[in-house]
Amino acid sequence: MTAISDNVRRQAQDLLDFIDASPSPWHAVASSVQRLQAAGYRRLDESERWTLASGGRHYVTRGDSSLIAFRLGERPLATNGLTLIGAHTDSPGLRVKPRPAEDAAGLVRIGVEVYGGPLLATFADRDLGLAGRVMVRAGDAIVSRLLHIDRPLLRLPNLAIHMNREANESGLKFNKQTELPLLLGSTGDGADAQFRRPLADALGVEPAQLLTWDLVACDTQKGSFWGADQEFVANGQLDNLASCHAALSALLAQEDDAASSLVALFDHEEVGSESAVGAGGSFVGDVLQRLAAGCGLDGEDQRRMLAASYFISADMAHGWHPNFPAAYEPCHRVLVNGGPVIKRNANQRYATDAASAARFLAICERAGVPCQQYAHRSDLGCGSTIGPIVAARLGIPSIDVGSPMWAMHSVRESAGVLDHAWMIAALAAALAG
């Protein structure tokens, strides 16, 4: 295995720090904004007129859970286009219901909905906190507040093996309605009051000020290195905050002022992307249209710009698991710590074609980065990404890539230290043009 340098390890630690600070899509955007502002990026508001110029660095958010950042280079947009990287801020998990608290024989159960396709069994017997945004009444105004309770607050205790004798043979299963509610504590002053009190305390407000919320049950265990040489990382939300971090890191590392580049981080990928803040919405198209108009491009030149652009959809890939070799296509076993993965599917579950794949292979070669290629088993259903969605809406050459990982959609996933550094290097080379 390639030796892990101090710089590579620092990049992996920065990834873990980014994820630990981003337990929800709203936190992920807030963490990204902090990094962009520190690098001199200026905030734009969709409700205001934009003034853009060559050399400008800007970002804009929508719904507090999606973000687009871009920098305008010196080369003409109409003939050179942009390199775009897309990733997503959401991860599968458990979302708290609007009126979640229930009294169950003196214990408070918190009702949750399943968001996306998590490995539900991995949430059992974990120290769970709460994170997301809460709408709070402040006088005559309603304000959005970020909430992160990162101490053990909730739990999904398993049923003892004595009462579930088939768990090890048939798999650990939970009824999504009756068996997934999380335990909070004793009823005390009432179920609803017991739920609201820790939220209000964390925000420094009165419980009556809490109006509505978008909250996720989050693991409280911090990210870590593991392995004989500490060559792997473990954390929640590697899918897909690792790609968000890599894309942002590549953008912020860009020094050449010639090329124009854009990074889009979307919410709601795990549930289909069809929302105002998802990749299936108008966000990226609206930004590109305003960007082009702000640079003086008419309708004809805007279409020339798109034709000259290249879109990279960055989402994690399935690393080969030695315990389950039958789950993989024999000639497409991608290895953790083996380099970025080009993902391809004949039925357009991924946006890659031969031309876009060859272009990314050349980018990796230029960056000195190894590259792998993946196809799913033909007898297994293949997941999808924002790649085909954005490619269809914008009509630009596109590719799907990702870093290989294990335990995708688990509450605690694993990936390679080297792979993350290689992905940053490959995306940085792509943005350099």
Protein backbone atom coordinates (compact mmCIF):
# COMPACT_ATOMS: atom_id res chain seq x y z
CA MET A 1 0.00 0.00 0.00
CA THR A 2 1.15 3.56 -0.71
CA ALA A 3 2.63 5.23 2.36
CA ILE A 4 0.35 7.70 4.09
CA SER A 5 2.00 11.12 4.36
CA ASP A 6 1.31 13.65 7.08
CA ASN A 7 -0.55 15.84 4.58
CA VAL A 8 -2.78 12.97 3.50
CA ARG A 9 -3.58 12.16 7.12
CA ARG A 10 -4.35 15.83 7.79
CA GLN A 11 -6.83 15.83 4.92
CA ALA A 12 -8.54 12.76 6.37
CA GLN A 13 -8.67 14.35 9.83
CA ASP A 14 -10.16 17.49 8.30
CA LEU A 15 -12.82 15.31 6.68
CA LEU A 16 -13.68 13.73 10.05
CA ASP A 17 -13.85 17.18 11.65
CA PHE A 18 -16.12 18.41 8.84
CA ILE A 19 -18.50 15.47 9.31
CA ASP A 20 -18.51 15.77 13.10
CA ALA A 21 -19.53 19.43 12.73
CA SER A 22 -22.21 18.52 10.15
CA PRO A 23 -24.71 16.08 11.68
CA SER A 24 -27.52 17.26 9.38
CA PRO A 25 -27.83 18.77 5.88
CA TRP A 26 -28.39 22.21 7.45
CA HIS A 27 -25.19 21.88 9.46
CA ALA A 28 -23.31 20.66 6.38
CA VAL A 29 -24.23 23.84 4.53
CA ALA A 30 -23.32 25.99 7.55
CA SER A 31 -19.94 24.25 7.81
CA SER A 32 -19.35 24.79 4.09
CA VAL A 33 -20.29 28.46 4.34
CA GLN A 34 -17.74 28.96 7.12
CA ARG A 35 -14.99 27.55 4.93
CA LEU A 36 -16.05 29.55 1.90
CA GLN A 37 -16.22 32.82 3.80
CA ALA A 38 -12.79 32.19 5.32
CA ALA A 39 -11.46 31.82 1.77
CA GLY A 40 -12.98 35.12 0.65
CA TYR A 41 -16.15 33.88 -1.05
CA ARG A 42 -18.96 36.43 -1.02
CA ARG A 43 -22.57 35.52 -0.27
CA LEU A 44 -25.24 36.11 -2.89
CA ASP A 45 -28.98 36.23 -2.20
CA GLU A 46 -31.43 34.80 -4.73
CA SER A 47 -33.88 37.62 -3.98
CA GLU A 48 -31.38 40.36 -4.92
CA ARG A 49 -29.72 41.46 -8.15
CA TRP A 50 -26.29 39.95 -8.72
CA THR A 51 -23.22 41.88 -9.78
CA LEU A 52 -20.57 39.53 -11.15
CA ALA A 53 -17.15 40.00 -12.68
CA SER A 54 -14.13 37.97 -13.72
CA GLY A 55 -12.22 36.82 -10.66
CA GLY A 56 -15.31 36.85 -8.48
CA ARG A 57 -15.84 34.17 -5.85
CA HIS A 58 -19.39 33.68 -4.67
CA TYR A 59 -21.80 31.30 -3.00
CA VAL A 60 -25.56 31.08 -2.65
CA THR A 61 -27.75 28.85 -0.49
CA ARG A 62 -31.31 27.63 -0.93
CA GLY A 63 -33.45 26.31 1.90
CA ASP A 64 -30.44 26.29 4.24
CA SER A 65 -29.62 22.71 3.14
CA SER A 66 -28.29 23.21 -0.42
CA LEU A 67 -25.43 25.39 -1.58
CA ILE A 68 -23.72 26.42 -4.80
CA ALA A 69 -20.29 28.07 -4.85
CA PHE A 70 -18.47 29.29 -7.93
CA ARG A 71 -15.47 31.26 -9.09
CA LEU A 72 -15.27 33.10 -12.38
CA GLY A 73 -12.06 32.75 -14.35
CA GLU A 74 -10.44 34.84 -17.03
CA ARG A 75 -11.19 32.53 -19.96
CA PRO A 76 -14.37 33.36 -21.92
CA LEU A 77 -17.29 31.34 -20.58
CA ALA A 78 -18.97 30.98 -23.96
CA THR A 79 -16.04 29.07 -25.45
CA ASN A 80 -14.48 27.45 -22.38
CA GLY A 81 -17.50 26.72 -20.18
CA LEU A 82 -17.16 25.59 -16.58
CA THR A 83 -16.20 22.48 -14.73
CA LEU A 84 -19.01 21.60 -12.32
CA ILE A 85 -18.86 19.18 -9.38
CA GLY A 86 -22.03 18.03 -7.66
CA ALA A 87 -22.54 16.13 -4.41
CA HIS A 88 -25.29 15.84 -1.80
CA THR A 89 -25.62 16.97 1.80
CA ASP A 90 -28.23 14.47 3.00
CA SER A 91 -27.74 10.95 4.35
CA PRO A 92 -30.23 8.16 5.09
CA GLY A 93 -31.46 7.92 8.65
CA LEU A 94 -34.28 8.62 11.06
CA ARG A 95 -36.21 11.91 10.99
CA VAL A 96 -38.28 13.11 13.96
CA LYS A 97 -42.01 13.47 13.35
CA PRO A 98 -43.85 16.80 13.89
CA ARG A 99 -45.56 15.58 17.08
CA PRO A 100 -43.23 12.79 18.10
CA ALA A 101 -43.60 12.31 21.86
CA GLU A 102 -45.70 9.41 23.12
CA ASP A 103 -46.29 8.13 26.65
CA ALA A 104 -45.73 4.36 26.73
CA ALA A 105 -46.28 3.00 30.25
CA GLY A 106 -44.34 5.86 31.81
CA LEU A 107 -41.61 5.99 29.14
CA VAL A 108 -41.33 8.64 26.41
CA ARG A 109 -41.07 7.26 22.89
CA ILE A 110 -40.04 9.60 20.06
CA GLY A 111 -41.71 8.81 16.75
CA VAL A 112 -39.47 8.83 13.68
CA GLU A 113 -39.83 8.41 9.93
CA VAL A 114 -37.31 6.50 7.85
CA TYR A 115 -35.51 8.89 5.48
CA GLY A 116 -34.02 7.24 2.42
CA GLY A 117 -32.64 3.72 2.71
CA PRO A 118 -30.59 3.36 5.90
CA LEU A 119 -29.33 0.08 7.34
CA LEU A 120 -31.83 0.26 10.18
CA ALA A 121 -30.22 -2.43 12.32
CA THR A 122 -27.11 -0.27 12.72
CA PHE A 123 -29.08 2.35 14.65
CA ALA A 124 -29.86 -0.11 17.43
CA ASP A 125 -27.95 0.20 20.73
CA ARG A 126 -26.17 3.39 19.62
CA ASP A 127 -25.79 6.60 21.63
CA LEU A 128 -28.00 8.91 19.59
CA GLY A 129 -28.36 12.68 19.75
CA LEU A 130 -30.49 15.14 17.78
CA ALA A 131 -29.49 17.59 15.08
CA GLY A 132 -31.13 19.83 12.49
CA ARG A 133 -32.99 23.10 12.47
CA VAL A 134 -35.75 24.41 14.70
CA MET A 135 -38.12 27.24 13.89
CA VAL A 136 -38.31 29.46 16.98
CA ARG A 137 -40.64 32.34 17.81
CA ALA A 138 -38.61 35.42 18.75
CA GLY A 139 -41.03 38.24 19.57
CA ASP A 140 -43.04 38.88 16.43
CA ALA A 141 -40.51 37.09 14.23
CA ILE A 142 -39.88 33.45 13.41
CA VAL A 143 -36.20 32.50 13.12
CA SER A 144 -34.41 29.33 12.08
CA ARG A 145 -31.90 27.98 14.62
CA LEU A 146 -29.42 25.16 14.19
CA LEU A 147 -29.60 22.49 16.89
CA HIS A 148 -27.01 19.85 17.74
CA ILE A 149 -27.40 17.83 20.92
CA ASP A 150 -24.26 15.72 20.69
CA ARG A 151 -24.66 13.84 23.98
CA PRO A 152 -26.46 10.49 24.31
CA LEU A 153 -30.12 11.51 24.44
CA LEU A 154 -32.02 8.80 22.58
CA ARG A 155 -31.66 5.07 22.14
CA LEU A 156 -33.14 2.18 20.18
CA PRO A 157 -32.56 -0.80 22.50
CA ASN A 158 -32.58 -4.22 20.91
CA LEU A 159 -34.97 -6.92 21.96
CA ALA A 160 -33.06 -9.60 23.86
CA ILE A 161 -32.01 -12.68 21.89
CA HIS A 162 -34.18 -14.77 24.25
CA MET A 163 -37.26 -13.10 22.73
CA ASN A 164 -35.96 -12.89 19.16
CA ARG A 165 -34.30 -16.25 18.58
CA GLU A 166 -34.16 -15.81 14.79
CA ALA A 167 -32.26 -12.52 14.81
CA ASN A 168 -28.89 -14.07 13.93
CA GLU A 169 -30.32 -16.39 11.28
CA SER A 170 -33.01 -14.23 9.69
CA GLY A 171 -31.51 -10.79 10.25
CA LEU A 172 -32.34 -8.00 12.64
CA LYS A 173 -35.55 -6.33 11.48
CA PHE A 174 -37.68 -3.50 12.85
CA ASN A 175 -41.25 -2.63 12.04
CA LYS A 176 -40.93 0.98 10.89
CA GLN A 177 -44.07 2.14 12.70
CA THR A 178 -44.15 0.17 15.94
CA GLU A 179 -40.54 -0.83 16.68
CA LEU A 180 -38.44 2.16 15.55
CA PRO A 181 -39.59 4.88 18.00
CA LEU A 182 -36.60 5.99 20.08
CA LEU A 183 -36.62 5.95 23.88
CA LEU A 184 -36.03 9.34 25.52
CA GLY A 185 -36.67 8.75 29.24
CA SER A 186 -39.41 8.67 31.82
CA THR A 187 -42.60 10.64 31.28
CA GLY A 188 -41.99 13.10 34.12
CA ASP A 189 -43.95 16.28 33.36
CA GLY A 190 -45.51 14.75 30.27
CA ALA A 191 -44.18 13.26 27.04
CA ASP A 192 -44.30 16.47 24.98
CA ALA A 193 -42.69 18.54 27.75
CA GLN A 194 -39.92 15.98 28.18
CA PHE A 195 -39.16 16.17 24.45
CA ARG A 196 -39.21 19.95 24.22
CA ARG A 197 -37.12 20.62 27.33
CA PRO A 198 -33.69 19.47 26.00
CA LEU A 199 -34.32 21.26 22.70
CA ALA A 200 -35.19 24.51 24.45
CA ASP A 201 -32.24 24.21 26.85
CA ALA A 202 -29.82 23.66 23.95
CA LEU A 203 -31.16 26.74 22.14
CA GLY A 204 -31.49 28.92 25.23
CA VAL A 205 -35.21 29.58 24.73
CA GLU A 206 -38.46 28.65 26.42
CA PRO A 207 -40.19 25.42 25.31
CA ALA A 208 -43.26 27.40 24.22
CA GLN A 209 -41.10 29.25 21.67
CA LEU A 210 -40.42 26.04 19.72
CA LEU A 211 -42.72 25.94 16.69
CA THR A 212 -41.59 23.28 14.20
CA TRP A 213 -38.42 21.35 13.38
CA ASP A 214 -36.45 19.34 10.85
CA LEU A 215 -34.49 16.97 13.09
CA VAL A 216 -32.45 13.83 12.55
CA ALA A 217 -31.29 11.23 15.05
CA CYS A 218 -27.50 11.43 14.88
CA ASP A 219 -24.74 9.21 16.21
CA THR A 220 -22.74 10.88 18.98
CA GLN A 221 -19.55 8.89 18.36
CA LYS A 222 -16.87 11.02 16.70
CA GLY A 223 -15.05 9.99 13.56
CA SER A 224 -11.90 7.91 13.94
CA PHE A 225 -9.00 6.26 12.17
CA TRP A 226 -8.71 2.48 12.29
CA GLY A 227 -6.65 -0.38 10.88
CA ALA A 228 -3.17 -1.76 11.50
CA ASP A 229 -1.63 1.38 9.98
CA GLN A 230 -4.62 3.62 10.69
CA GLU A 231 -5.28 3.55 6.96
CA PHE A 232 -9.08 3.67 7.20
CA VAL A 233 -11.59 6.15 8.60
CA ALA A 234 -14.94 5.47 10.23
CA ASN A 235 -17.78 7.94 10.69
CA GLY A 236 -21.42 8.52 9.88
CA GLN A 237 -22.44 10.28 6.66
CA LEU A 238 -19.30 9.47 4.68
CA ASP A 239 -21.95 8.97 2.02
CA ASN A 240 -21.96 11.67 0.93
CA LEU A 241 -20.25 14.30 3.06
CA ALA A 242 -16.88 12.87 2.01
CA SER A 243 -17.68 13.95 -1.55
CA CYS A 244 -18.91 17.36 -0.34
CA HIS A 245 -15.66 17.85 1.56
CA ALA A 246 -13.54 16.72 -1.38
CA ALA A 247 -15.35 19.04 -3.79
CA LEU A 248 -15.06 22.03 -1.45
CA SER A 249 -11.40 21.27 -0.72
CA ALA A 250 -10.66 21.11 -4.45
CA LEU A 251 -12.46 24.40 -5.07
CA LEU A 252 -10.69 26.19 -2.23
CA ALA A 253 -7.32 24.84 -3.36
CA GLN A 254 -7.77 26.31 -6.85
CA GLU A 255 -5.07 28.92 -7.50
CA ASP A 256 -5.21 29.40 -11.26
CA ASP A 257 -7.50 32.31 -12.16
CA ALA A 258 -7.99 31.17 -15.75
CA ALA A 259 -10.71 28.51 -15.38
CA SER A 260 -14.26 28.96 -14.13
CA SER A 261 -15.61 26.35 -11.75
CA LEU A 262 -18.71 25.57 -9.71
CA VAL A 263 -19.52 23.23 -6.82
CA ALA A 264 -23.15 22.33 -6.08
CA LEU A 265 -24.15 20.56 -2.86
CA PHE A 266 -27.78 19.40 -2.98
CA ASP A 267 -30.20 18.12 -0.37
CA HIS A 268 -32.75 15.30 -0.91
CA GLU A 269 -30.64 13.01 -3.13
CA GLU A 270 -31.48 10.06 -0.91
CA VAL A 271 -35.21 10.50 -1.57
CA GLY A 272 -35.14 11.25 -5.30
CA SER A 273 -33.91 14.87 -5.61
CA GLU A 274 -37.32 16.19 -6.71
CA SER A 275 -37.63 19.27 -4.51
CA ALA A 276 -36.89 22.98 -4.58
CA VAL A 277 -33.48 22.32 -3.03
CA GLY A 278 -32.75 19.02 -4.78
CA ALA A 279 -30.77 18.34 -7.93
CA GLY A 280 -34.08 17.75 -9.71
CA GLY A 281 -35.17 21.32 -8.97
CA SER A 282 -34.21 24.56 -10.67
CA PHE A 283 -31.37 25.59 -8.34
CA VAL A 284 -28.34 24.83 -10.48
CA GLY A 285 -30.08 25.94 -13.68
CA ASP A 286 -31.13 29.22 -12.09
CA VAL A 287 -27.61 29.92 -10.84
CA LEU A 288 -26.00 29.10 -14.18
CA GLN A 289 -28.45 31.33 -16.02
CA ARG A 290 -27.83 34.25 -13.68
CA LEU A 291 -24.08 33.62 -13.73
CA ALA A 292 -24.04 33.71 -17.52
CA ALA A 293 -26.26 36.79 -17.71
CA GLY A 294 -24.10 38.53 -15.11
CA CYS A 295 -21.09 37.93 -17.33
CA GLY A 296 -22.84 39.46 -20.35
CA LEU A 297 -23.76 36.24 -22.18
CA ASP A 298 -26.93 36.24 -24.26
CA GLY A 299 -29.11 33.17 -24.75
CA GLU A 300 -26.99 31.82 -27.60
CA ASP A 301 -23.74 32.19 -25.67
CA GLN A 302 -25.29 30.60 -22.58
CA ARG A 303 -25.98 27.48 -24.60
CA ARG A 304 -22.44 27.56 -25.97
CA MET A 305 -21.20 27.77 -22.38
CA LEU A 306 -23.15 24.65 -21.38
CA ALA A 307 -21.94 22.76 -24.44
CA ALA A 308 -18.34 23.51 -23.42
CA SER A 309 -18.86 22.49 -19.77
CA TYR A 310 -18.21 19.22 -17.91
CA PHE A 311 -20.13 17.90 -14.92
CA ILE A 312 -18.69 15.54 -12.31
CA SER A 313 -21.21 13.88 -10.02
CA ALA A 314 -19.28 12.86 -6.90
CA ASP A 315 -20.96 10.19 -4.77
CA MET A 316 -19.44 7.31 -2.86
CA ALA A 317 -18.83 3.89 -4.46
CA HIS A 318 -19.15 0.30 -3.25
CA GLY A 319 -15.72 -0.95 -2.18
CA TRP A 320 -15.10 -4.69 -2.58
CA HIS A 321 -15.87 -6.55 0.66
CA PRO A 322 -13.80 -9.72 1.15
CA ASN A 323 -16.50 -11.33 3.28
CA PHE A 324 -19.15 -10.99 0.55
CA PRO A 325 -17.37 -11.55 -2.80
CA ALA A 326 -20.56 -12.86 -4.43
CA ALA A 327 -22.15 -9.40 -4.16
CA TYR A 328 -19.79 -7.91 -6.76
CA GLU A 329 -19.30 -8.00 -10.50
CA PRO A 330 -16.19 -10.23 -10.89
CA CYS A 331 -14.20 -7.91 -13.15
CA HIS A 332 -15.16 -4.69 -11.36
CA ARG A 333 -13.98 -5.17 -7.80
CA VAL A 334 -12.90 -1.71 -6.68
CA LEU A 335 -10.62 -1.65 -3.64
CA VAL A 336 -10.70 0.70 -0.67
CA ASN A 337 -7.46 2.72 -0.82
CA GLY A 338 -7.26 1.89 -4.52
CA GLY A 339 -8.18 5.32 -5.89
CA PRO A 340 -11.25 7.17 -7.21
CA VAL A 341 -13.89 5.07 -8.94
CA ILE A 342 -15.64 5.74 -12.26
CA LYS A 343 -19.18 4.38 -11.96
CA ARG A 344 -21.02 3.16 -15.05
CA ASN A 345 -24.42 1.65 -15.76
CA ALA A 346 -25.96 0.85 -19.15
CA ASN A 347 -29.42 1.84 -17.92
CA GLN A 348 -28.31 5.37 -17.03
CA ARG A 349 -28.39 4.96 -13.27
CA TYR A 350 -25.06 6.76 -13.59
CA ALA A 351 -24.32 9.53 -16.09
CA THR A 352 -21.00 8.13 -17.32
CA ASP A 353 -20.34 7.30 -20.96
CA ALA A 354 -17.13 6.33 -22.73
CA ALA A 355 -16.18 9.91 -23.59
CA SER A 356 -16.73 11.34 -20.10
CA ALA A 357 -14.92 8.34 -18.55
CA ALA A 358 -11.91 8.80 -20.83
CA ARG A 359 -11.78 12.46 -19.85
CA PHE A 360 -11.73 11.62 -16.14
CA LEU A 361 -9.09 8.93 -16.68
CA ALA A 362 -6.91 11.58 -18.32
CA ILE A 363 -7.55 13.96 -15.39
CA CYS A 364 -6.45 11.31 -12.89
CA GLU A 365 -3.35 10.55 -14.95
CA ARG A 366 -2.46 14.23 -15.01
CA ALA A 367 -2.92 14.41 -11.24
CA GLY A 368 -0.86 11.27 -10.61
CA VAL A 369 -3.88 9.53 -9.10
CA PRO A 370 -4.87 5.86 -9.59
CA CYS A 371 -8.34 5.27 -10.98
CA GLN A 372 -10.74 2.33 -10.85
CA GLN A 373 -13.90 1.43 -12.78
CA TYR A 374 -17.09 -0.03 -11.33
CA ALA A 375 -20.20 -1.73 -12.67
CA HIS A 376 -22.93 -3.28 -10.54
CA ARG A 377 -23.88 -6.96 -10.75
CA SER A 378 -26.45 -7.42 -13.52
CA ASP A 379 -28.78 -9.37 -11.23
CA LEU A 380 -28.85 -6.71 -8.50
CA GLY A 381 -30.72 -3.42 -8.55
CA CYS A 382 -28.36 -0.48 -9.03
CA GLY A 383 -28.64 2.73 -7.01
CA SER A 384 -28.48 6.10 -8.70
CA THR A 385 -27.10 9.58 -8.11
CA ILE A 386 -27.67 13.20 -9.04
CA GLY A 387 -25.55 12.58 -12.15
CA PRO A 388 -28.27 11.55 -14.62
CA ILE A 389 -30.66 14.16 -13.18
CA VAL A 390 -28.32 17.12 -13.63
CA ALA A 391 -27.05 15.81 -16.98
CA ALA A 392 -30.62 15.63 -18.30
CA ARG A 393 -31.54 19.11 -17.06
CA LEU A 394 -28.41 20.87 -18.28
CA GLY A 395 -27.52 18.77 -21.31
CA ILE A 396 -23.79 18.73 -20.64
CA PRO A 397 -21.20 15.91 -20.74
CA SER A 398 -21.29 14.22 -17.33
CA ILE A 399 -19.67 11.47 -15.29
CA ASP A 400 -20.30 9.70 -12.00
CA VAL A 401 -17.33 9.09 -9.72
CA GLY A 402 -16.80 8.32 -6.05
CA SER A 403 -14.43 7.07 -3.40
CA PRO A 404 -14.86 3.38 -2.47
CA MET A 405 -16.30 2.62 0.95
CA TRP A 406 -17.78 -0.11 3.12
CA ALA A 407 -21.15 -0.27 4.92
CA MET A 408 -22.84 2.38 2.80
CA HIS A 409 -25.96 3.72 4.57
CA SER A 410 -24.89 2.35 7.93
CA VAL A 411 -24.98 4.70 10.91
CA ARG A 412 -21.18 4.25 10.88
CA GLU A 413 -19.44 3.79 7.53
CA SER A 414 -15.81 3.18 6.58
CA ALA A 415 -13.53 4.45 3.81
CA GLY A 416 -9.84 4.80 2.90
CA VAL A 417 -7.49 7.56 4.02
CA LEU A 418 -5.60 7.50 0.70
CA ASP A 419 -8.77 7.54 -1.38
CA HIS A 420 -9.94 10.82 0.08
CA ALA A 421 -6.67 12.58 -0.70
CA TRP A 422 -6.67 11.12 -4.20
CA MET A 423 -10.24 12.28 -4.80
CA ILE A 424 -9.36 15.82 -3.72
CA ALA A 425 -6.35 15.78 -6.05
CA ALA A 426 -8.41 14.47 -9.00
CA LEU A 427 -11.19 17.04 -8.51
CA ALA A 428 -8.65 19.84 -8.11
CA ALA A 429 -7.05 18.80 -11.42
CA ALA A 430 -10.47 18.77 -13.06
CA LEU A 431 -11.27 22.29 -11.83
CA ALA A 432 -7.92 23.57 -13.07
CA GLY A 433 -9.11 22.80 -16.60
